[in-house]
């Protein structure tokens, strides 16, 4: 990103997401930080997030299984978003909403 106000905004947003209490759960804080990474290339996958200790008390191992196929949404393709400029050169916000709605309802 080269837009200075955007960079400052993101840096400040990151500061506000830091633990505000000294007794906060470090596993929960790590989970939150992993989920909120701005760049999706560095963001942890859902399957990795679900391995967190945070979910141990809710986990039912016998019910866990992998999906039969990988879901690849049109908006997740590399050319769909320009990470240098911080915006899409291909889609508008309205386009994104329509794509997500259509692709979410088409999943079997």
Protein backbone atom coordinates (compact mmCIF):
# COMPACT_ATOMS: atom_id res chain seq x y z
CA UNK A 1 0.00 0.00 0.00
CA UNK A 2 1.28 3.44 -0.78
CA UNK A 3 -1.56 5.55 0.64
CA UNK A 4 -0.09 7.06 3.85
CA UNK A 5 -3.46 7.80 5.56
CA UNK A 6 -4.54 4.20 4.87
CA UNK A 7 -1.32 2.83 6.34
CA UNK A 8 -1.70 5.00 9.46
CA UNK A 9 -5.34 3.91 9.80
CA UNK A 10 -4.41 0.22 9.62
CA UNK A 11 -1.56 0.65 12.09
CA UNK A 12 -3.87 2.44 14.53
CA UNK A 13 -6.58 -0.20 14.04
CA UNK A 14 -4.03 -2.88 14.90
CA UNK A 15 -3.15 -1.08 18.13
CA UNK A 16 -6.79 -0.98 19.18
CA UNK A 17 -7.02 -4.74 18.69
CA UNK A 18 -4.26 -5.45 21.21
CA UNK A 19 -5.31 -6.86 24.59
CA UNK A 20 -6.71 -4.15 26.80
CA UNK A 21 -6.55 -6.28 29.97
CA UNK A 22 -3.42 -7.82 31.45
CA UNK A 23 -5.37 -10.99 32.38
CA UNK A 24 -6.65 -11.59 28.84
CA UNK A 25 -6.42 -15.14 27.46
CA UNK A 26 -3.27 -15.38 25.32
CA UNK A 27 -4.71 -18.24 23.23
CA UNK A 28 -7.76 -16.15 22.46
CA UNK A 29 -5.62 -13.12 21.64
CA UNK A 30 -3.46 -15.20 19.27
CA UNK A 31 -6.59 -16.59 17.60
CA UNK A 32 -7.97 -13.08 17.13
CA UNK A 33 -4.67 -11.78 15.74
CA UNK A 34 -4.43 -14.71 13.31
CA UNK A 35 -7.99 -14.14 12.10
CA UNK A 36 -7.57 -10.41 11.60
CA UNK A 37 -4.38 -10.31 9.55
CA UNK A 38 -5.03 -7.69 6.88
CA UNK A 39 -3.27 -9.51 4.05
CA UNK A 40 -5.06 -12.80 3.26
CA UNK A 41 -1.79 -14.37 2.13
CA UNK A 42 -0.61 -14.17 5.75
CA UNK A 43 -4.01 -14.87 7.34
CA UNK A 44 -4.36 -18.32 8.90
CA UNK A 45 -6.81 -20.75 7.27
CA UNK A 46 -10.07 -21.67 8.97
CA UNK A 47 -8.90 -25.26 9.45
CA UNK A 48 -5.76 -24.02 11.22
CA UNK A 49 -7.78 -21.60 13.37
CA UNK A 50 -10.09 -24.41 14.47
CA UNK A 51 -7.10 -26.32 15.89
CA UNK A 52 -6.68 -23.59 18.51
CA UNK A 53 -6.86 -24.56 22.19
CA UNK A 54 -9.71 -22.06 22.46
CA UNK A 55 -12.04 -24.66 20.88
CA UNK A 56 -10.83 -27.69 22.87
CA UNK A 57 -13.77 -27.72 25.28
CA UNK A 58 -16.26 -27.63 22.36
CA UNK A 59 -14.50 -30.01 19.99
CA UNK A 60 -16.11 -33.37 19.17
CA UNK A 61 -13.33 -35.23 17.36
CA UNK A 62 -15.58 -37.95 15.90
CA UNK A 63 -17.62 -35.27 14.08
CA UNK A 64 -14.62 -33.56 12.49
CA UNK A 65 -13.84 -34.37 8.88
CA UNK A 66 -12.37 -32.58 5.90
CA UNK A 67 -14.49 -31.19 3.11
CA UNK A 68 -14.80 -33.39 0.06
CA UNK A 69 -13.77 -30.56 -2.23
CA UNK A 70 -12.05 -27.21 -1.96
CA UNK A 71 -14.21 -24.15 -2.34
CA UNK A 72 -12.67 -21.50 -4.60
CA UNK A 73 -14.72 -18.37 -4.93
CA UNK A 74 -14.33 -16.11 -7.95
CA UNK A 75 -13.46 -13.19 -5.66
CA UNK A 76 -10.58 -15.15 -4.09
CA UNK A 77 -8.65 -15.41 -7.35
CA UNK A 78 -5.38 -13.46 -7.45
CA UNK A 79 -6.45 -11.02 -10.16
CA UNK A 80 -9.62 -10.03 -8.28
CA UNK A 81 -7.92 -7.68 -5.82
CA UNK A 82 -4.93 -5.37 -6.08
CA UNK A 83 -3.10 -5.50 -2.75
CA UNK A 84 -0.75 -2.68 -3.75
CA UNK A 85 -3.58 -0.19 -4.23
CA UNK A 86 -5.85 -1.74 -1.61
CA UNK A 87 -8.83 -2.04 -3.94
CA UNK A 88 -10.27 -4.18 -6.66
CA UNK A 89 -9.52 -3.33 -10.26
CA UNK A 90 -12.06 -5.90 -11.36
CA UNK A 91 -15.12 -5.60 -9.07
CA UNK A 92 -17.16 -2.93 -7.33
CA UNK A 93 -18.51 -3.37 -3.80
CA UNK A 94 -21.93 -4.16 -5.27
CA UNK A 95 -20.32 -6.79 -7.52
CA UNK A 96 -18.69 -8.38 -4.47
CA UNK A 97 -22.02 -8.59 -2.62
CA UNK A 98 -23.71 -10.25 -5.62
CA UNK A 99 -20.84 -12.72 -6.13
CA UNK A 100 -20.74 -13.74 -2.48
CA UNK A 101 -24.51 -14.18 -2.35
CA UNK A 102 -24.55 -16.24 -5.55
CA UNK A 103 -21.54 -18.39 -4.69
CA UNK A 104 -22.68 -18.96 -1.11
CA UNK A 105 -26.05 -20.25 -2.26
CA UNK A 106 -24.47 -22.47 -4.94
CA UNK A 107 -22.35 -24.43 -2.43
CA UNK A 108 -23.66 -27.96 -2.03
